[in-house]
Structures are given as structure tokens and as C-alpha cells.
Amino acid sequence: RVSQERAAEIAGMNRSDFMLAISRLGVSPFQYDYEDVLEEVENVG
């Protein structure tokens, strides 16, 4: 995994501009895998 900060750095942008750019492309800034979702559900329940 790559953090948002690192991804922005790789793209040559600051984090704010990077977040705006991916939003315009319809890409969610949140990336969850199956285990992450299960953990969140268990913590809520």
C-alpha cells in the first residue's frame, strides 16, 4: 500500500491537489480490503 501523502509525492503534487485530482477522476480516496471491512464491522457491533 502507498499512503495518500506518498502517492501525491510520486505524482509531483501536494496532498490537497492530489485528492482533488483523484476526485475528479472518480477515484475514491478510501481503499479498503475485505479484512479492513470485517474489522470495522466488528468494532462497530
PDB file of N, CA and C in Angstrom:
ATOM      1  N   ARG A   1       0.835  -1.185   0.000  1.00  0.00           N
ATOM      2  CA  ARG A   1       0.000   0.000   0.000  1.00  0.00           C
ATOM      3  C   ARG A   1       0.874   1.242   0.000  1.00  0.00           C
ATOM      4  N   VAL A   2       0.326   2.282  -0.571  1.00  0.00           N
ATOM      5  CA  VAL A   2       1.005   3.572  -0.607  1.00  0.00           C
ATOM      6  C   VAL A   2       0.089   4.586   0.066  1.00  0.00           C
ATOM      7  N   SER A   3       0.632   5.375   0.963  1.00  0.00           N
ATOM      8  CA  SER A   3      -0.181   6.393   1.626  1.00  0.00           C
ATOM      9  C   SER A   3      -0.582   7.479   0.634  1.00  0.00           C
ATOM     10  N   GLN A   4      -1.613   8.221   0.982  1.00  0.00           N
ATOM     11  CA  GLN A   4      -2.031   9.333   0.129  1.00  0.00           C
ATOM     12  C   GLN A   4      -0.909  10.351  -0.001  1.00  0.00           C
ATOM     13  N   GLU A   5      -0.214  10.602   1.086  1.00  0.00           N
ATOM     14  CA  GLU A   5       0.894  11.559   1.062  1.00  0.00           C
ATOM     15  C   GLU A   5       1.984  11.102   0.099  1.00  0.00           C
ATOM     16  N   ARG A   6       2.332   9.819   0.158  1.00  0.00           N
ATOM     17  CA  ARG A   6       3.372   9.275  -0.732  1.00  0.00           C
ATOM     18  C   ARG A   6       2.897   9.271  -2.179  1.00  0.00           C
ATOM     19  N   ALA A   7       1.641   8.914  -2.412  1.00  0.00           N
ATOM     20  CA  ALA A   7       1.100   8.914  -3.771  1.00  0.00           C
ATOM     21  C   ALA A   7       1.140  10.320  -4.356  1.00  0.00           C
ATOM     22  N   ALA A   8       0.801  11.314  -3.545  1.00  0.00           N
ATOM     23  CA  ALA A   8       0.860  12.704  -4.000  1.00  0.00           C
ATOM     24  C   ALA A   8       2.292  13.085  -4.353  1.00  0.00           C
ATOM     25  N   GLU A   9       3.224  12.668  -3.524  1.00  0.00           N
ATOM     26  CA  GLU A   9       4.647  12.947  -3.776  1.00  0.00           C
ATOM     27  C   GLU A   9       5.094  12.310  -5.090  1.00  0.00           C
ATOM     28  N   ILE A  10       4.714  11.067  -5.315  1.00  0.00           N
ATOM     29  CA  ILE A  10       5.063  10.360  -6.553  1.00  0.00           C
ATOM     30  C   ILE A  10       4.482  11.093  -7.758  1.00  0.00           C
ATOM     31  N   ALA A  11       3.263  11.629  -7.597  1.00  0.00           N
ATOM     32  CA  ALA A  11       2.595  12.348  -8.685  1.00  0.00           C
ATOM     33  C   ALA A  11       3.106  13.778  -8.853  1.00  0.00           C
ATOM     34  N   GLY A  12       3.987  14.205  -7.950  1.00  0.00           N
ATOM     35  CA  GLY A  12       4.525  15.557  -8.037  1.00  0.00           C
ATOM     36  C   GLY A  12       3.534  16.623  -7.607  1.00  0.00           C
ATOM     37  N   MET A  13       2.647  16.260  -6.669  1.00  0.00           N
ATOM     38  CA  MET A  13       1.610  17.185  -6.201  1.00  0.00           C
ATOM     39  C   MET A  13       1.639  17.261  -4.685  1.00  0.00           C
ATOM     40  N   ASN A  14       0.996  18.306  -4.153  1.00  0.00           N
ATOM     41  CA  ASN A  14       0.769  18.287  -2.713  1.00  0.00           C
ATOM     42  C   ASN A  14      -0.474  17.432  -2.468  1.00  0.00           C
ATOM     43  N   ARG A  15      -0.699  17.068  -1.219  1.00  0.00           N
ATOM     44  CA  ARG A  15      -1.786  16.130  -0.914  1.00  0.00           C
ATOM     45  C   ARG A  15      -3.150  16.700  -1.301  1.00  0.00           C
ATOM     46  N   SER A  16      -3.377  17.978  -1.046  1.00  0.00           N
ATOM     47  CA  SER A  16      -4.673  18.591  -1.378  1.00  0.00           C
ATOM     48  C   SER A  16      -4.962  18.518  -2.869  1.00  0.00           C
ATOM     49  N   ASP A  17      -3.975  18.888  -3.681  1.00  0.00           N
ATOM     50  CA  ASP A  17      -4.158  18.835  -5.133  1.00  0.00           C
ATOM     51  C   ASP A  17      -4.356  17.401  -5.608  1.00  0.00           C
ATOM     52  N   PHE A  18      -3.633  16.477  -4.998  1.00  0.00           N
ATOM     53  CA  PHE A  18      -3.767  15.067  -5.355  1.00  0.00           C
ATOM     54  C   PHE A  18      -5.182  14.568  -5.065  1.00  0.00           C
ATOM     55  N   MET A  19      -5.712  14.927  -3.888  1.00  0.00           N
ATOM     56  CA  MET A  19      -7.057  14.498  -3.517  1.00  0.00           C
ATOM     57  C   MET A  19      -8.093  15.079  -4.479  1.00  0.00           C
ATOM     58  N   LEU A  20      -7.920  16.327  -4.875  1.00  0.00           N
ATOM     59  CA  LEU A  20      -8.835  16.930  -5.850  1.00  0.00           C
ATOM     60  C   LEU A  20      -8.740  16.224  -7.198  1.00  0.00           C
ATOM     61  N   ALA A  21      -7.521  15.897  -7.603  1.00  0.00           N
ATOM     62  CA  ALA A  21      -7.315  15.244  -8.902  1.00  0.00           C
ATOM     63  C   ALA A  21      -7.970  13.867  -8.938  1.00  0.00           C
ATOM     64  N   ILE A  22      -7.782  13.066  -7.900  1.00  0.00           N
ATOM     65  CA  ILE A  22      -8.383  11.729  -7.930  1.00  0.00           C
ATOM     66  C   ILE A  22      -9.900  11.816  -7.821  1.00  0.00           C
ATOM     67  N   SER A  23     -10.388  12.824  -7.101  1.00  0.00           N
ATOM     68  CA  SER A  23     -11.831  13.023  -7.006  1.00  0.00           C
ATOM     69  C   SER A  23     -12.424  13.324  -8.380  1.00  0.00           C
ATOM     70  N   ARG A  24     -11.750  14.157  -9.143  1.00  0.00           N
ATOM     71  CA  ARG A  24     -12.221  14.493 -10.493  1.00  0.00           C
ATOM     72  C   ARG A  24     -12.243  13.266 -11.400  1.00  0.00           C
ATOM     73  N   LEU A  25     -11.363  12.318 -11.111  1.00  0.00           N
ATOM     74  CA  LEU A  25     -11.298  11.090 -11.905  1.00  0.00           C
ATOM     75  C   LEU A  25     -12.265  10.020 -11.399  1.00  0.00           C
ATOM     76  N   GLY A  26     -12.978  10.327 -10.330  1.00  0.00           N
ATOM     77  CA  GLY A  26     -13.934   9.374  -9.782  1.00  0.00           C
ATOM     78  C   GLY A  26     -13.296   8.277  -8.955  1.00  0.00           C
ATOM     79  N   VAL A  27     -12.086   8.527  -8.467  1.00  0.00           N
ATOM     80  CA  VAL A  27     -11.375   7.539  -7.658  1.00  0.00           C
ATOM     81  C   VAL A  27     -11.590   7.863  -6.183  1.00  0.00           C
ATOM     82  N   SER A  28     -12.020   6.879  -5.430  1.00  0.00           N
ATOM     83  CA  SER A  28     -12.225   7.076  -4.001  1.00  0.00           C
ATOM     84  C   SER A  28     -10.878   7.171  -3.292  1.00  0.00           C
ATOM     85  N   PRO A  29     -10.744   8.080  -2.339  1.00  0.00           N
ATOM     86  CA  PRO A  29      -9.503   8.167  -1.568  1.00  0.00           C
ATOM     87  C   PRO A  29      -9.398   7.064  -0.519  1.00  0.00           C
ATOM     88  N   PHE A  30     -10.481   6.319  -0.341  1.00  0.00           N
ATOM     89  CA  PHE A  30     -10.509   5.267   0.667  1.00  0.00           C
ATOM     90  C   PHE A  30     -10.386   3.908   0.002  1.00  0.00           C
ATOM     91  N   GLN A  31      -9.375   3.178   0.383  1.00  0.00           N
ATOM     92  CA  GLN A  31      -9.135   1.855  -0.179  1.00  0.00           C
ATOM     93  C   GLN A  31      -9.200   0.826   0.948  1.00  0.00           C
ATOM     94  N   TYR A  32     -10.245   0.047   0.947  1.00  0.00           N
ATOM     95  CA  TYR A  32     -10.427  -0.980   1.963  1.00  0.00           C
ATOM     96  C   TYR A  32     -10.360  -2.350   1.314  1.00  0.00           C
ATOM     97  N   ASP A  33      -9.724  -3.281   2.016  1.00  0.00           N
ATOM     98  CA  ASP A  33      -9.802  -4.655   1.562  1.00  0.00           C
ATOM     99  C   ASP A  33     -10.795  -5.392   2.473  1.00  0.00           C
ATOM    100  N   TYR A  34     -11.054  -6.618   2.161  1.00  0.00           N
ATOM    101  CA  TYR A  34     -12.070  -7.397   2.869  1.00  0.00           C
ATOM    102  C   TYR A  34     -11.808  -7.437   4.374  1.00  0.00           C
ATOM    103  N   GLU A  35     -10.562  -7.647   4.761  1.00  0.00           N
ATOM    104  CA  GLU A  35     -10.216  -7.729   6.177  1.00  0.00           C
ATOM    105  C   GLU A  35     -10.461  -6.404   6.892  1.00  0.00           C
ATOM    106  N   ASP A  36     -10.167  -5.292   6.227  1.00  0.00           N
ATOM    107  CA  ASP A  36     -10.411  -3.971   6.818  1.00  0.00           C
ATOM    108  C   ASP A  36     -11.895  -3.776   7.106  1.00  0.00           C
ATOM    109  N   VAL A  37     -12.726  -4.160   6.157  1.00  0.00           N
ATOM    110  CA  VAL A  37     -14.171  -4.005   6.323  1.00  0.00           C
ATOM    111  C   VAL A  37     -14.664  -4.878   7.472  1.00  0.00           C
ATOM    112  N   LEU A  38     -14.214  -6.115   7.530  1.00  0.00           N
ATOM    113  CA  LEU A  38     -14.620  -7.003   8.623  1.00  0.00           C
ATOM    114  C   LEU A  38     -14.221  -6.429   9.975  1.00  0.00           C
ATOM    115  N   GLU A  39     -13.022  -5.907  10.065  1.00  0.00           N
ATOM    116  CA  GLU A  39     -12.547  -5.326  11.319  1.00  0.00           C
ATOM    117  C   GLU A  39     -13.414  -4.133  11.727  1.00  0.00           C
ATOM    118  N   GLU A  40     -13.750  -3.285  10.784  1.00  0.00           N
ATOM    119  CA  GLU A  40     -14.606  -2.130  11.079  1.00  0.00           C
ATOM    120  C   GLU A  40     -15.982  -2.579  11.559  1.00  0.00           C
ATOM    121  N   VAL A  41     -16.550  -3.575  10.902  1.00  0.00           N
ATOM    122  CA  VAL A  41     -17.869  -4.082  11.286  1.00  0.00           C
ATOM    123  C   VAL A  41     -17.814  -4.662  12.694  1.00  0.00           C
ATOM    124  N   GLU A  42     -16.771  -5.406  12.999  1.00  0.00           N
ATOM    125  CA  GLU A  42     -16.633  -5.994  14.332  1.00  0.00           C
ATOM    126  C   GLU A  42     -16.483  -4.914  15.397  1.00  0.00           C
ATOM    127  N   ASN A  43     -15.782  -3.842  15.080  1.00  0.00           N
ATOM    128  CA  ASN A  43     -15.586  -2.759  16.044  1.00  0.00           C
ATOM    129  C   ASN A  43     -16.870  -1.979  16.304  1.00  0.00           C
ATOM    130  N   VAL A  44     -17.737  -1.891  15.315  1.00  0.00           N
ATOM    131  CA  VAL A  44     -18.998  -1.167  15.466  1.00  0.00           C
ATOM    132  C   VAL A  44     -20.002  -2.008  16.253  1.00  0.00           C
ATOM    133  N   GLY A  45     -20.030  -3.299  15.953  1.00  0.00           N
ATOM    134  CA  GLY A  45     -21.039  -4.182  16.520  1.00  0.00           C
ATOM    135  C   GLY A  45     -20.786  -4.546  17.927  1.00  0.00           C
TER     136      GLY A  45
END
